[in-house]
PDB file of N, CA and C in Angstrom:
ATOM      1  N   MET A   1      16.357 -16.933  28.020  1.00  0.00           N
ATOM      2  CA  MET A   1      17.879 -17.344  28.765  1.00  0.00           C
ATOM      3  C   MET A   1      18.458 -15.947  29.055  1.00  0.00           C
ATOM      4  N   ALA A   2      18.504 -15.153  30.048  1.00  0.00           N
ATOM      5  CA  ALA A   2      18.737 -13.452  30.227  1.00  0.00           C
ATOM      6  C   ALA A   2      20.269 -13.591  31.080  1.00  0.00           C
ATOM      7  N   GLY A   3      20.063 -14.894  31.563  1.00  0.00           N
ATOM      8  CA  GLY A   3      21.081 -14.760  32.475  1.00  0.00           C
ATOM      9  C   GLY A   3      20.617 -14.473  34.069  1.00  0.00           C
ATOM     10  N   GLU A   4      19.392 -14.250  34.725  1.00  0.00           N
ATOM     11  CA  GLU A   4      18.913 -13.498  35.798  1.00  0.00           C
ATOM     12  C   GLU A   4      18.842 -14.493  36.797  1.00  0.00           C
ATOM     13  N   ILE A   5      18.710 -15.643  36.532  1.00  0.00           N
ATOM     14  CA  ILE A   5      18.627 -16.450  37.678  1.00  0.00           C
ATOM     15  C   ILE A   5      19.812 -17.083  37.890  1.00  0.00           C
ATOM     16  N   PRO A   6      20.496 -17.241  39.385  1.00  0.00           N
ATOM     17  CA  PRO A   6      21.810 -17.535  39.611  1.00  0.00           C
ATOM     18  C   PRO A   6      21.937 -19.188  39.036  1.00  0.00           C
ATOM     19  N   SER A   7      22.993 -19.770  38.721  1.00  0.00           N
ATOM     20  CA  SER A   7      23.133 -21.460  38.512  1.00  0.00           C
ATOM     21  C   SER A   7      24.713 -21.782  38.525  1.00  0.00           C
ATOM     22  N   HIS A   8      24.675 -22.853  38.811  1.00  0.00           N
ATOM     23  CA  HIS A   8      26.124 -23.244  38.678  1.00  0.00           C
ATOM     24  C   HIS A   8      26.303 -24.115  37.428  1.00  0.00           C
ATOM     25  N   LYS A   9      26.998 -23.323  36.699  1.00  0.00           N
ATOM     26  CA  LYS A   9      27.230 -23.289  35.433  1.00  0.00           C
ATOM     27  C   LYS A   9      28.246 -24.806  35.024  1.00  0.00           C
ATOM     28  N   ILE A  10      27.705 -25.371  33.885  1.00  0.00           N
ATOM     29  CA  ILE A  10      28.603 -26.771  33.321  1.00  0.00           C
ATOM     30  C   ILE A  10      29.029 -26.410  32.337  1.00  0.00           C
ATOM     31  N   ALA A  11      28.504 -26.000  31.287  1.00  0.00           N
ATOM     32  CA  ALA A  11      28.957 -25.555  29.953  1.00  0.00           C
ATOM     33  C   ALA A  11      28.045 -24.833  29.225  1.00  0.00           C
ATOM     34  N   GLU A  12      28.730 -24.112  28.284  1.00  0.00           N
ATOM     35  CA  GLU A  12      27.983 -23.007  27.819  1.00  0.00           C
ATOM     36  C   GLU A  12      28.569 -23.456  26.026  1.00  0.00           C
ATOM     37  N   THR A  13      27.404 -22.365  25.197  1.00  0.00           N
ATOM     38  CA  THR A  13      27.638 -22.255  24.079  1.00  0.00           C
ATOM     39  C   THR A  13      26.997 -20.841  23.252  1.00  0.00           C
ATOM     40  N   ASN A  14      27.141 -20.283  22.090  1.00  0.00           N
ATOM     41  CA  ASN A  14      26.665 -19.050  21.707  1.00  0.00           C
ATOM     42  C   ASN A  14      24.738 -19.692  21.869  1.00  0.00           C
ATOM     43  N   ASP A  15      24.641 -21.038  21.740  1.00  0.00           N
ATOM     44  CA  ASP A  15      23.093 -21.408  21.614  1.00  0.00           C
ATOM     45  C   ASP A  15      22.477 -21.961  22.873  1.00  0.00           C
ATOM     46  N   TYR A  16      23.362 -22.782  23.748  1.00  0.00           N
ATOM     47  CA  TYR A  16      22.488 -23.532  24.645  1.00  0.00           C
ATOM     48  C   TYR A  16      23.825 -23.500  26.084  1.00  0.00           C
ATOM     49  N   TYR A  17      23.096 -23.777  26.852  1.00  0.00           N
ATOM     50  CA  TYR A  17      23.767 -23.894  28.219  1.00  0.00           C
ATOM     51  C   TYR A  17      23.066 -24.913  29.503  1.00  0.00           C
ATOM     52  N   ALA A  18      24.095 -25.086  30.012  1.00  0.00           N
ATOM     53  CA  ALA A  18      24.061 -26.502  30.719  1.00  0.00           C
ATOM     54  C   ALA A  18      24.124 -26.225  32.459  1.00  0.00           C
ATOM     55  N   PHE A  19      23.525 -26.498  33.314  1.00  0.00           N
ATOM     56  CA  PHE A  19      23.451 -26.275  34.676  1.00  0.00           C
ATOM     57  C   PHE A  19      22.853 -27.165  35.515  1.00  0.00           C
ATOM     58  N   LEU A  20      23.513 -27.206  36.771  1.00  0.00           N
ATOM     59  CA  LEU A  20      23.205 -28.187  38.027  1.00  0.00           C
ATOM     60  C   LEU A  20      21.778 -27.777  37.777  1.00  0.00           C
ATOM     61  N   ASP A  21      20.991 -29.135  38.236  1.00  0.00           N
ATOM     62  CA  ASP A  21      19.792 -28.919  38.663  1.00  0.00           C
ATOM     63  C   ASP A  21      19.815 -28.190  40.212  1.00  0.00           C
ATOM     64  N   ILE A  22      18.733 -27.493  40.744  1.00  0.00           N
ATOM     65  CA  ILE A  22      19.080 -27.116  42.121  1.00  0.00           C
ATOM     66  C   ILE A  22      17.874 -27.874  43.071  1.00  0.00           C
ATOM     67  N   PHE A  23      17.461 -29.066  42.622  1.00  0.00           N
ATOM     68  CA  PHE A  23      16.377 -29.986  43.118  1.00  0.00           C
ATOM     69  C   PHE A  23      16.919 -31.243  42.201  1.00  0.00           C
ATOM     70  N   PRO A  24      18.199 -31.541  42.378  1.00  0.00           N
ATOM     71  CA  PRO A  24      18.602 -33.134  41.830  1.00  0.00           C
ATOM     72  C   PRO A  24      17.677 -34.368  42.217  1.00  0.00           C
ATOM     73  N   VAL A  25      17.884 -35.218  41.433  1.00  0.00           N
ATOM     74  CA  VAL A  25      17.444 -36.654  41.933  1.00  0.00           C
ATOM     75  C   VAL A  25      18.389 -37.282  42.250  1.00  0.00           C
ATOM     76  N   THR A  26      19.495 -37.130  41.518  1.00  0.00           N
ATOM     77  CA  THR A  26      20.784 -37.861  42.035  1.00  0.00           C
ATOM     78  C   THR A  26      22.013 -36.608  41.535  1.00  0.00           C
ATOM     79  N   LYS A  27      23.030 -37.229  42.525  1.00  0.00           N
ATOM     80  CA  LYS A  27      24.091 -36.271  42.472  1.00  0.00           C
ATOM     81  C   LYS A  27      24.921 -35.988  40.838  1.00  0.00           C
ATOM     82  N   GLY A  28      24.810 -34.836  40.550  1.00  0.00           N
ATOM     83  CA  GLY A  28      25.270 -34.650  39.406  1.00  0.00           C
ATOM     84  C   GLY A  28      23.838 -34.034  37.882  1.00  0.00           C
ATOM     85  N   HIS A  29      22.931 -34.216  38.596  1.00  0.00           N
ATOM     86  CA  HIS A  29      21.653 -34.010  37.836  1.00  0.00           C
ATOM     87  C   HIS A  29      22.299 -32.708  37.151  1.00  0.00           C
ATOM     88  N   THR A  30      21.803 -32.600  35.880  1.00  0.00           N
ATOM     89  CA  THR A  30      22.224 -31.302  35.558  1.00  0.00           C
ATOM     90  C   THR A  30      21.040 -31.185  34.169  1.00  0.00           C
ATOM     91  N   LEU A  31      20.853 -30.027  33.879  1.00  0.00           N
ATOM     92  CA  LEU A  31      20.090 -29.484  32.798  1.00  0.00           C
ATOM     93  C   LEU A  31      20.247 -28.944  31.605  1.00  0.00           C
ATOM     94  N   VAL A  32      19.915 -28.825  30.420  1.00  0.00           N
ATOM     95  CA  VAL A  32      20.659 -28.567  29.024  1.00  0.00           C
ATOM     96  C   VAL A  32      19.246 -27.615  28.750  1.00  0.00           C
ATOM     97  N   VAL A  33      19.632 -26.206  28.311  1.00  0.00           N
ATOM     98  CA  VAL A  33      18.634 -25.676  27.663  1.00  0.00           C
ATOM     99  C   VAL A  33      18.699 -25.186  26.438  1.00  0.00           C
ATOM    100  N   PRO A  34      18.177 -24.883  25.540  1.00  0.00           N
ATOM    101  CA  PRO A  34      18.798 -23.838  24.217  1.00  0.00           C
ATOM    102  C   PRO A  34      18.199 -22.371  25.325  1.00  0.00           C
ATOM    103  N   LYS A  35      19.131 -21.602  24.640  1.00  0.00           N
ATOM    104  CA  LYS A  35      19.135 -20.412  24.999  1.00  0.00           C
ATOM    105  C   LYS A  35      17.786 -19.488  24.274  1.00  0.00           C
ATOM    106  N   LYS A  36      17.401 -20.266  23.210  1.00  0.00           N
ATOM    107  CA  LYS A  36      16.425 -19.032  22.477  1.00  0.00           C
ATOM    108  C   LYS A  36      14.908 -19.833  23.421  1.00  0.00           C
ATOM    109  N   GLU A  37      14.039 -18.771  24.352  1.00  0.00           N
ATOM    110  CA  GLU A  37      13.086 -19.337  25.313  1.00  0.00           C
ATOM    111  C   GLU A  37      12.166 -19.948  24.278  1.00  0.00           C
ATOM    112  N   VAL A  38      11.949 -21.058  24.325  1.00  0.00           N
ATOM    113  CA  VAL A  38      10.678 -22.107  23.573  1.00  0.00           C
ATOM    114  C   VAL A  38      10.215 -22.574  24.720  1.00  0.00           C
ATOM    115  N   ASP A  39       8.766 -22.924  24.674  1.00  0.00           N
ATOM    116  CA  ASP A  39       8.323 -23.710  25.988  1.00  0.00           C
ATOM    117  C   ASP A  39       8.368 -25.381  25.976  1.00  0.00           C
ATOM    118  N   TYR A  40       7.853 -25.670  24.651  1.00  0.00           N
ATOM    119  CA  TYR A  40       8.175 -27.011  24.591  1.00  0.00           C
ATOM    120  C   TYR A  40       9.273 -27.516  23.597  1.00  0.00           C
ATOM    121  N   ILE A  41       9.636 -28.555  24.052  1.00  0.00           N
ATOM    122  CA  ILE A  41      10.936 -29.165  23.199  1.00  0.00           C
ATOM    123  C   ILE A  41      10.526 -29.240  21.798  1.00  0.00           C
ATOM    124  N   TYR A  42       9.478 -29.375  21.073  1.00  0.00           N
ATOM    125  CA  TYR A  42       9.215 -30.332  20.145  1.00  0.00           C
ATOM    126  C   TYR A  42       8.426 -29.283  19.192  1.00  0.00           C
ATOM    127  N   ASP A  43       8.601 -27.912  20.011  1.00  0.00           N
ATOM    128  CA  ASP A  43       8.419 -26.707  19.175  1.00  0.00           C
ATOM    129  C   ASP A  43       9.754 -25.857  18.403  1.00  0.00           C
ATOM    130  N   LEU A  44      10.725 -26.584  18.991  1.00  0.00           N
ATOM    131  CA  LEU A  44      12.024 -26.000  18.759  1.00  0.00           C
ATOM    132  C   LEU A  44      12.300 -26.552  17.409  1.00  0.00           C
ATOM    133  N   GLU A  45      12.867 -25.566  16.188  1.00  0.00           N
ATOM    134  CA  GLU A  45      13.375 -26.138  15.350  1.00  0.00           C
ATOM    135  C   GLU A  45      14.267 -26.775  15.123  1.00  0.00           C
ATOM    136  N   ASP A  46      14.292 -27.911  13.981  1.00  0.00           N
ATOM    137  CA  ASP A  46      15.192 -29.069  13.808  1.00  0.00           C
ATOM    138  C   ASP A  46      16.275 -28.808  14.018  1.00  0.00           C
ATOM    139  N   GLU A  47      17.224 -27.894  13.603  1.00  0.00           N
ATOM    140  CA  GLU A  47      18.481 -27.510  13.883  1.00  0.00           C
ATOM    141  C   GLU A  47      18.736 -27.147  15.310  1.00  0.00           C
ATOM    142  N   LEU A  48      17.850 -26.460  16.016  1.00  0.00           N
ATOM    143  CA  LEU A  48      18.230 -25.873  17.491  1.00  0.00           C
ATOM    144  C   LEU A  48      17.901 -27.316  18.242  1.00  0.00           C
ATOM    145  N   LEU A  49      17.029 -28.257  17.648  1.00  0.00           N
ATOM    146  CA  LEU A  49      16.622 -29.264  18.261  1.00  0.00           C
ATOM    147  C   LEU A  49      17.924 -30.106  18.434  1.00  0.00           C
ATOM    148  N   SER A  50      18.299 -30.786  17.388  1.00  0.00           N
ATOM    149  CA  SER A  50      19.121 -31.791  17.101  1.00  0.00           C
ATOM    150  C   SER A  50      20.738 -31.391  17.324  1.00  0.00           C
ATOM    151  N   GLY A  51      20.696 -29.983  17.516  1.00  0.00           N
ATOM    152  CA  GLY A  51      22.136 -29.372  18.053  1.00  0.00           C
ATOM    153  C   GLY A  51      21.952 -29.395  19.657  1.00  0.00           C
ATOM    154  N   LEU A  52      20.803 -29.543  20.380  1.00  0.00           N
ATOM    155  CA  LEU A  52      20.397 -29.373  21.911  1.00  0.00           C
ATOM    156  C   LEU A  52      21.327 -30.878  22.245  1.00  0.00           C
ATOM    157  N   HIS A  53      20.173 -32.042  21.482  1.00  0.00           N
ATOM    158  CA  HIS A  53      20.822 -33.004  21.721  1.00  0.00           C
ATOM    159  C   HIS A  53      22.366 -33.169  21.556  1.00  0.00           C
ATOM    160  N   LEU A  54      22.986 -32.829  20.682  1.00  0.00           N
ATOM    161  CA  LEU A  54      24.447 -33.210  20.863  1.00  0.00           C
ATOM    162  C   LEU A  54      25.214 -32.122  21.533  1.00  0.00           C
ATOM    163  N   PHE A  55      24.841 -30.805  21.972  1.00  0.00           N
ATOM    164  CA  PHE A  55      25.554 -30.535  23.142  1.00  0.00           C
ATOM    165  C   PHE A  55      25.532 -31.312  24.438  1.00  0.00           C
ATOM    166  N   ALA A  56      23.900 -31.830  24.829  1.00  0.00           N
ATOM    167  CA  ALA A  56      23.614 -32.558  25.878  1.00  0.00           C
ATOM    168  C   ALA A  56      24.460 -33.843  25.684  1.00  0.00           C
ATOM    169  N   LYS A  57      25.146 -34.261  24.815  1.00  0.00           N
ATOM    170  CA  LYS A  57      25.742 -35.720  24.716  1.00  0.00           C
ATOM    171  C   LYS A  57      27.126 -35.244  25.415  1.00  0.00           C
ATOM    172  N   LYS A  58      27.842 -34.041  25.108  1.00  0.00           N
ATOM    173  CA  LYS A  58      28.767 -33.708  25.381  1.00  0.00           C
ATOM    174  C   LYS A  58      28.826 -33.505  27.067  1.00  0.00           C
ATOM    175  N   VAL A  59      27.980 -33.288  27.250  1.00  0.00           N
ATOM    176  CA  VAL A  59      27.685 -32.877  28.743  1.00  0.00           C
ATOM    177  C   VAL A  59      27.418 -33.956  29.578  1.00  0.00           C
ATOM    178  N   ALA A  60      26.244 -34.874  29.129  1.00  0.00           N
ATOM    179  CA  ALA A  60      26.585 -36.390  29.591  1.00  0.00           C
ATOM    180  C   ALA A  60      27.925 -36.961  30.093  1.00  0.00           C
ATOM    181  N   ILE A  61      28.465 -37.160  29.058  1.00  0.00           N
ATOM    182  CA  ILE A  61      29.618 -37.784  28.724  1.00  0.00           C
ATOM    183  C   ILE A  61      30.619 -37.100  30.023  1.00  0.00           C
ATOM    184  N   ALA A  62      30.255 -35.794  30.301  1.00  0.00           N
ATOM    185  CA  ALA A  62      31.233 -35.579  31.271  1.00  0.00           C
ATOM    186  C   ALA A  62      30.866 -35.874  32.933  1.00  0.00           C
ATOM    187  N   VAL A  63      29.362 -35.663  33.002  1.00  0.00           N
ATOM    188  CA  VAL A  63      28.534 -35.935  34.007  1.00  0.00           C
ATOM    189  C   VAL A  63      28.787 -37.307  34.288  1.00  0.00           C
ATOM    190  N   LYS A  64      29.070 -38.245  33.478  1.00  0.00           N
ATOM    191  CA  LYS A  64      29.300 -39.668  34.015  1.00  0.00           C
ATOM    192  C   LYS A  64      30.947 -39.959  33.844  1.00  0.00           C
ATOM    193  N   LYS A  65      31.788 -39.330  33.494  1.00  0.00           N
ATOM    194  CA  LYS A  65      33.256 -39.190  33.888  1.00  0.00           C
ATOM    195  C   LYS A  65      33.317 -38.741  35.496  1.00  0.00           C
ATOM    196  N   ALA A  66      32.603 -37.704  35.768  1.00  0.00           N
ATOM    197  CA  ALA A  66      32.639 -37.364  37.124  1.00  0.00           C
ATOM    198  C   ALA A  66      31.945 -38.243  37.946  1.00  0.00           C
ATOM    199  N   TYR A  67      30.365 -38.629  37.995  1.00  0.00           N
ATOM    200  CA  TYR A  67      30.050 -39.190  38.932  1.00  0.00           C
ATOM    201  C   TYR A  67      29.736 -40.790  38.233  1.00  0.00           C
ATOM    202  N   PRO A  68      30.593 -41.389  38.163  1.00  0.00           N
ATOM    203  CA  PRO A  68      30.167 -42.908  37.111  1.00  0.00           C
ATOM    204  C   PRO A  68      29.218 -43.627  37.800  1.00  0.00           C
ATOM    205  N   CYS A  69      28.175 -43.960  37.262  1.00  0.00           N
ATOM    206  CA  CYS A  69      26.959 -44.746  36.851  1.00  0.00           C
ATOM    207  C   CYS A  69      27.148 -45.725  35.869  1.00  0.00           C
ATOM    208  N   GLU A  70      25.686 -46.259  35.638  1.00  0.00           N
ATOM    209  CA  GLU A  70      25.340 -47.020  34.704  1.00  0.00           C
ATOM    210  C   GLU A  70      25.182 -46.543  33.819  1.00  0.00           C
ATOM    211  N   ARG A  71      24.233 -45.516  33.847  1.00  0.00           N
ATOM    212  CA  ARG A  71      24.688 -44.758  32.488  1.00  0.00           C
ATOM    213  C   ARG A  71      23.733 -43.517  32.839  1.00  0.00           C
ATOM    214  N   ILE A  72      23.649 -42.359  31.841  1.00  0.00           N
ATOM    215  CA  ILE A  72      23.019 -41.417  32.193  1.00  0.00           C
ATOM    216  C   ILE A  72      21.494 -40.862  31.395  1.00  0.00           C
ATOM    217  N   SER A  73      20.580 -41.294  32.130  1.00  0.00           N
ATOM    218  CA  SER A  73      19.374 -41.146  31.644  1.00  0.00           C
ATOM    219  C   SER A  73      19.085 -39.850  31.300  1.00  0.00           C
ATOM    220  N   VAL A  74      18.180 -39.647  30.204  1.00  0.00           N
ATOM    221  CA  VAL A  74      18.022 -38.511  29.785  1.00  0.00           C
ATOM    222  C   VAL A  74      16.184 -38.572  29.812  1.00  0.00           C
ATOM    223  N   ALA A  75      15.745 -37.325  30.501  1.00  0.00           N
ATOM    224  CA  ALA A  75      14.481 -37.439  30.784  1.00  0.00           C
ATOM    225  C   ALA A  75      13.766 -35.613  30.348  1.00  0.00           C
ATOM    226  N   VAL A  76      12.679 -35.405  29.448  1.00  0.00           N
ATOM    227  CA  VAL A  76      12.196 -34.336  29.182  1.00  0.00           C
ATOM    228  C   VAL A  76      10.563 -34.338  29.583  1.00  0.00           C
ATOM    229  N   ALA A  77      10.229 -33.326  30.640  1.00  0.00           N
ATOM    230  CA  ALA A  77       8.996 -33.794  31.213  1.00  0.00           C
ATOM    231  C   ALA A  77       8.294 -32.131  30.585  1.00  0.00           C
ATOM    232  N   GLY A  78       8.828 -30.949  31.026  1.00  0.00           N
ATOM    233  CA  GLY A  78       8.327 -29.718  30.561  1.00  0.00           C
ATOM    234  C   GLY A  78       7.747 -29.511  31.318  1.00  0.00           C
ATOM    235  N   PHE A  79       7.448 -29.881  32.681  1.00  0.00           N
ATOM    236  CA  PHE A  79       6.091 -29.426  33.269  1.00  0.00           C
ATOM    237  C   PHE A  79       6.512 -28.171  34.465  1.00  0.00           C
ATOM    238  N   GLU A  80       8.210 -28.353  34.662  1.00  0.00           N
ATOM    239  CA  GLU A  80       8.200 -27.245  35.643  1.00  0.00           C
ATOM    240  C   GLU A  80       8.179 -26.225  35.349  1.00  0.00           C
ATOM    241  N   VAL A  81       9.326 -25.967  34.492  1.00  0.00           N
ATOM    242  CA  VAL A  81       8.944 -24.243  34.119  1.00  0.00           C
ATOM    243  C   VAL A  81       9.176 -24.177  32.554  1.00  0.00           C
ATOM    244  N   PRO A  82       8.550 -23.206  31.781  1.00  0.00           N
ATOM    245  CA  PRO A  82       7.886 -22.791  30.675  1.00  0.00           C
ATOM    246  C   PRO A  82       9.515 -22.729  29.636  1.00  0.00           C
ATOM    247  N   HIS A  83      10.153 -23.332  29.741  1.00  0.00           N
ATOM    248  CA  HIS A  83      11.471 -23.564  28.838  1.00  0.00           C
ATOM    249  C   HIS A  83      12.064 -25.037  28.484  1.00  0.00           C
ATOM    250  N   ALA A  84      11.950 -25.192  27.257  1.00  0.00           N
ATOM    251  CA  ALA A  84      12.588 -26.079  26.553  1.00  0.00           C
ATOM    252  C   ALA A  84      13.742 -26.891  27.397  1.00  0.00           C
ATOM    253  N   HIS A  85      13.662 -27.954  28.035  1.00  0.00           N
ATOM    254  CA  HIS A  85      14.961 -28.931  29.185  1.00  0.00           C
ATOM    255  C   HIS A  85      15.106 -29.799  28.847  1.00  0.00           C
ATOM    256  N   ILE A  86      16.299 -30.436  28.742  1.00  0.00           N
ATOM    257  CA  ILE A  86      16.801 -31.965  29.079  1.00  0.00           C
ATOM    258  C   ILE A  86      17.186 -32.241  30.491  1.00  0.00           C
ATOM    259  N   HIS A  87      16.814 -32.907  31.002  1.00  0.00           N
ATOM    260  CA  HIS A  87      17.465 -33.966  32.116  1.00  0.00           C
ATOM    261  C   HIS A  87      18.553 -34.766  32.112  1.00  0.00           C
ATOM    262  N   LEU A  88      19.617 -34.374  32.200  1.00  0.00           N
ATOM    263  CA  LEU A  88      20.845 -35.615  32.100  1.00  0.00           C
ATOM    264  C   LEU A  88      20.903 -36.221  33.929  1.00  0.00           C
ATOM    265  N   ILE A  89      20.463 -37.264  33.889  1.00  0.00           N
ATOM    266  CA  ILE A  89      20.782 -38.040  35.468  1.00  0.00           C
ATOM    267  C   ILE A  89      21.458 -39.352  35.754  1.00  0.00           C
ATOM    268  N   PRO A  90      22.576 -39.277  36.691  1.00  0.00           N
ATOM    269  CA  PRO A  90      23.257 -40.392  36.991  1.00  0.00           C
ATOM    270  C   PRO A  90      22.372 -41.372  37.463  1.00  0.00           C
ATOM    271  N   THR A  91      22.202 -42.419  36.806  1.00  0.00           N
ATOM    272  CA  THR A  91      21.530 -43.534  37.230  1.00  0.00           C
ATOM    273  C   THR A  91      22.052 -45.094  36.995  1.00  0.00           C
ATOM    274  N   ASN A  92      21.437 -45.870  38.181  1.00  0.00           N
ATOM    275  CA  ASN A  92      22.215 -47.119  38.324  1.00  0.00           C
ATOM    276  C   ASN A  92      20.891 -48.158  38.323  1.00  0.00           C
ATOM    277  N   THR A  93      20.016 -47.428  38.309  1.00  0.00           N
ATOM    278  CA  THR A  93      18.612 -48.185  38.231  1.00  0.00           C
ATOM    279  C   THR A  93      17.316 -47.407  38.027  1.00  0.00           C
ATOM    280  N   MET A  94      16.367 -48.136  37.682  1.00  0.00           N
ATOM    281  CA  MET A  94      15.162 -47.435  37.451  1.00  0.00           C
ATOM    282  C   MET A  94      14.527 -46.292  39.049  1.00  0.00           C
ATOM    283  N   ALA A  95      15.082 -47.106  39.639  1.00  0.00           N
ATOM    284  CA  ALA A  95      14.704 -46.085  40.808  1.00  0.00           C
ATOM    285  C   ALA A  95      15.218 -44.703  41.054  1.00  0.00           C
ATOM    286  N   ASP A  96      16.337 -44.422  40.406  1.00  0.00           N
ATOM    287  CA  ASP A  96      16.890 -43.243  40.598  1.00  0.00           C
ATOM    288  C   ASP A  96      16.795 -42.202  39.835  1.00  0.00           C
ATOM    289  N   LEU A  97      15.403 -42.381  39.023  1.00  0.00           N
ATOM    290  CA  LEU A  97      14.552 -41.594  38.408  1.00  0.00           C
ATOM    291  C   LEU A  97      13.091 -40.978  39.107  1.00  0.00           C
ATOM    292  N   GLN A  98      13.269 -41.244  40.459  1.00  0.00           N
ATOM    293  CA  GLN A  98      11.845 -40.761  41.096  1.00  0.00           C
ATOM    294  C   GLN A  98      12.019 -39.134  41.439  1.00  0.00           C
ATOM    295  N   PHE A  99      11.194 -38.394  40.536  1.00  0.00           N
ATOM    296  CA  PHE A  99      11.443 -36.956  40.347  1.00  0.00           C
ATOM    297  C   PHE A  99      10.754 -36.802  41.901  1.00  0.00           C
ATOM    298  N   THR A 100       9.979 -37.849  42.670  1.00  0.00           N
ATOM    299  CA  THR A 100       9.477 -36.947  43.981  1.00  0.00           C
ATOM    300  C   THR A 100      10.448 -36.852  44.752  1.00  0.00           C
ATOM    301  N   GLU A 101      11.330 -37.951  44.915  1.00  0.00           N
ATOM    302  CA  GLU A 101      12.591 -37.780  45.962  1.00  0.00           C
ATOM    303  C   GLU A 101      13.540 -36.715  45.531  1.00  0.00           C
ATOM    304  N   LYS A 102      13.641 -35.735  45.979  1.00  0.00           N
ATOM    305  CA  LYS A 102      14.764 -34.687  45.472  1.00  0.00           C
ATOM    306  C   LYS A 102      16.027 -34.809  46.844  1.00  0.00           C
ATOM    307  N   LEU A 103      17.376 -34.150  46.272  1.00  0.00           N
ATOM    308  CA  LEU A 103      18.002 -34.028  47.241  1.00  0.00           C
ATOM    309  C   LEU A 103      18.545 -32.807  47.545  1.00  0.00           C
ATOM    310  N   LYS A 104      18.957 -32.447  48.524  1.00  0.00           N
ATOM    311  CA  LYS A 104      19.621 -30.933  49.104  1.00  0.00           C
ATOM    312  C   LYS A 104      20.604 -30.851  49.005  1.00  0.00           C
ATOM    313  N   PHE A 105      21.748 -29.990  48.605  1.00  0.00           N
ATOM    314  CA  PHE A 105      22.542 -29.646  48.444  1.00  0.00           C
ATOM    315  C   PHE A 105      23.487 -28.299  48.668  1.00  0.00           C
ATOM    316  N   SER A 106      24.215 -27.964  50.174  1.00  0.00           N
ATOM    317  CA  SER A 106      24.282 -26.431  49.903  1.00  0.00           C
ATOM    318  C   SER A 106      24.836 -25.765  48.575  1.00  0.00           C
ATOM    319  N   GLN A 107      25.054 -24.357  48.401  1.00  0.00           N
ATOM    320  CA  GLN A 107      25.708 -23.747  47.207  1.00  0.00           C
ATOM    321  C   GLN A 107      26.902 -24.275  47.023  1.00  0.00           C
ATOM    322  N   GLU A 108      27.970 -24.455  48.568  1.00  0.00           N
ATOM    323  CA  GLU A 108      29.203 -25.124  48.407  1.00  0.00           C
ATOM    324  C   GLU A 108      29.215 -26.414  47.345  1.00  0.00           C
ATOM    325  N   GLU A 109      28.629 -27.256  47.815  1.00  0.00           N
ATOM    326  CA  GLU A 109      28.535 -28.586  47.415  1.00  0.00           C
ATOM    327  C   GLU A 109      28.310 -28.627  46.097  1.00  0.00           C
ATOM    328  N   LEU A 110      27.121 -27.667  45.867  1.00  0.00           N
ATOM    329  CA  LEU A 110      26.450 -27.252  44.501  1.00  0.00           C
ATOM    330  C   LEU A 110      27.888 -27.319  43.367  1.00  0.00           C
ATOM    331  N   ALA A 111      28.443 -26.030  43.642  1.00  0.00           N
ATOM    332  CA  ALA A 111      29.892 -25.502  42.955  1.00  0.00           C
ATOM    333  C   ALA A 111      30.914 -26.469  42.867  1.00  0.00           C
ATOM    334  N   GLU A 112      30.877 -27.458  44.005  1.00  0.00           N
ATOM    335  CA  GLU A 112      32.298 -28.742  44.214  1.00  0.00           C
ATOM    336  C   GLU A 112      31.373 -29.375  42.826  1.00  0.00           C
ATOM    337  N   ILE A 113      30.027 -29.662  42.664  1.00  0.00           N
ATOM    338  CA  ILE A 113      29.750 -30.757  41.811  1.00  0.00           C
ATOM    339  C   ILE A 113      29.973 -30.079  40.373  1.00  0.00           C
ATOM    340  N   ALA A 114      29.706 -29.030  40.518  1.00  0.00           N
ATOM    341  CA  ALA A 114      29.727 -28.124  39.091  1.00  0.00           C
ATOM    342  C   ALA A 114      31.076 -28.330  38.300  1.00  0.00           C
ATOM    343  N   GLN A 115      32.427 -28.146  39.484  1.00  0.00           N
ATOM    344  CA  GLN A 115      33.449 -27.716  39.161  1.00  0.00           C
ATOM    345  C   GLN A 115      34.197 -29.541  38.705  1.00  0.00           C
ATOM    346  N   ASN A 116      33.584 -30.592  39.255  1.00  0.00           N
ATOM    347  CA  ASN A 116      33.903 -31.756  38.904  1.00  0.00           C
ATOM    348  C   ASN A 116      33.755 -32.008  37.533  1.00  0.00           C
ATOM    349  N   ILE A 117      32.249 -31.357  37.130  1.00  0.00           N
ATOM    350  CA  ILE A 117      32.015 -32.070  35.912  1.00  0.00           C
ATOM    351  C   ILE A 117      32.349 -31.218  34.765  1.00  0.00           C
ATOM    352  N   ARG A 118      32.650 -30.033  35.265  1.00  0.00           N
ATOM    353  CA  ARG A 118      33.649 -29.061  34.087  1.00  0.00           C
ATOM    354  C   ARG A 118      35.008 -29.379  33.661  1.00  0.00           C
ATOM    355  N   ALA A 119      35.293 -29.992  35.034  1.00  0.00           N
ATOM    356  CA  ALA A 119      36.961 -30.858  34.808  1.00  0.00           C
ATOM    357  C   ALA A 119      36.823 -31.816  33.627  1.00  0.00           C
ATOM    358  N   GLN A 120      35.577 -32.165  33.527  1.00  0.00           N
ATOM    359  CA  GLN A 120      35.868 -33.818  32.838  1.00  0.00           C
ATOM    360  C   GLN A 120      35.641 -32.992  31.562  1.00  0.00           C
ATOM    361  N   LEU A 121      35.196 -31.927  31.102  1.00  0.00           N
ATOM    362  CA  LEU A 121      34.630 -31.799  29.835  1.00  0.00           C
ATOM    363  C   LEU A 121      35.836 -31.365  28.673  1.00  0.00           C
ATOM    364  N   ALA A 122      35.593 -32.509  27.509  1.00  0.00           N
ATOM    365  CA  ALA A 122      36.947 -32.128  26.607  1.00  0.00           C
ATOM    366  C   ALA A 122      37.028 -31.308  25.735  1.00  0.00           C
TER     367      ALA A 122
END
């Protein structure tokens, strides 16, 4: 995680990074990754894995405040990129979890979505 790919940052610590998915399935769809490059999430050391989930929880709470929904669904597929990551997806029904139907937002819209979520971080 060297920061070479532009992203719309939501939150960051020394060990973790949260940013908007550029091909979201719902508005507010956020990715949470460990900065340590590991391909498969369950190859992470226990401490890093548990910290990732605790970091994701804080981000999920902010996403839900910014984009009210029934719940923030969590998905770990791991096929898109060779870097462990968690999807945080605002959802109201199971139909919201269709990864085959992606939304398109302009860079300006993504920046506004990211700012709305960052404003909700405690």
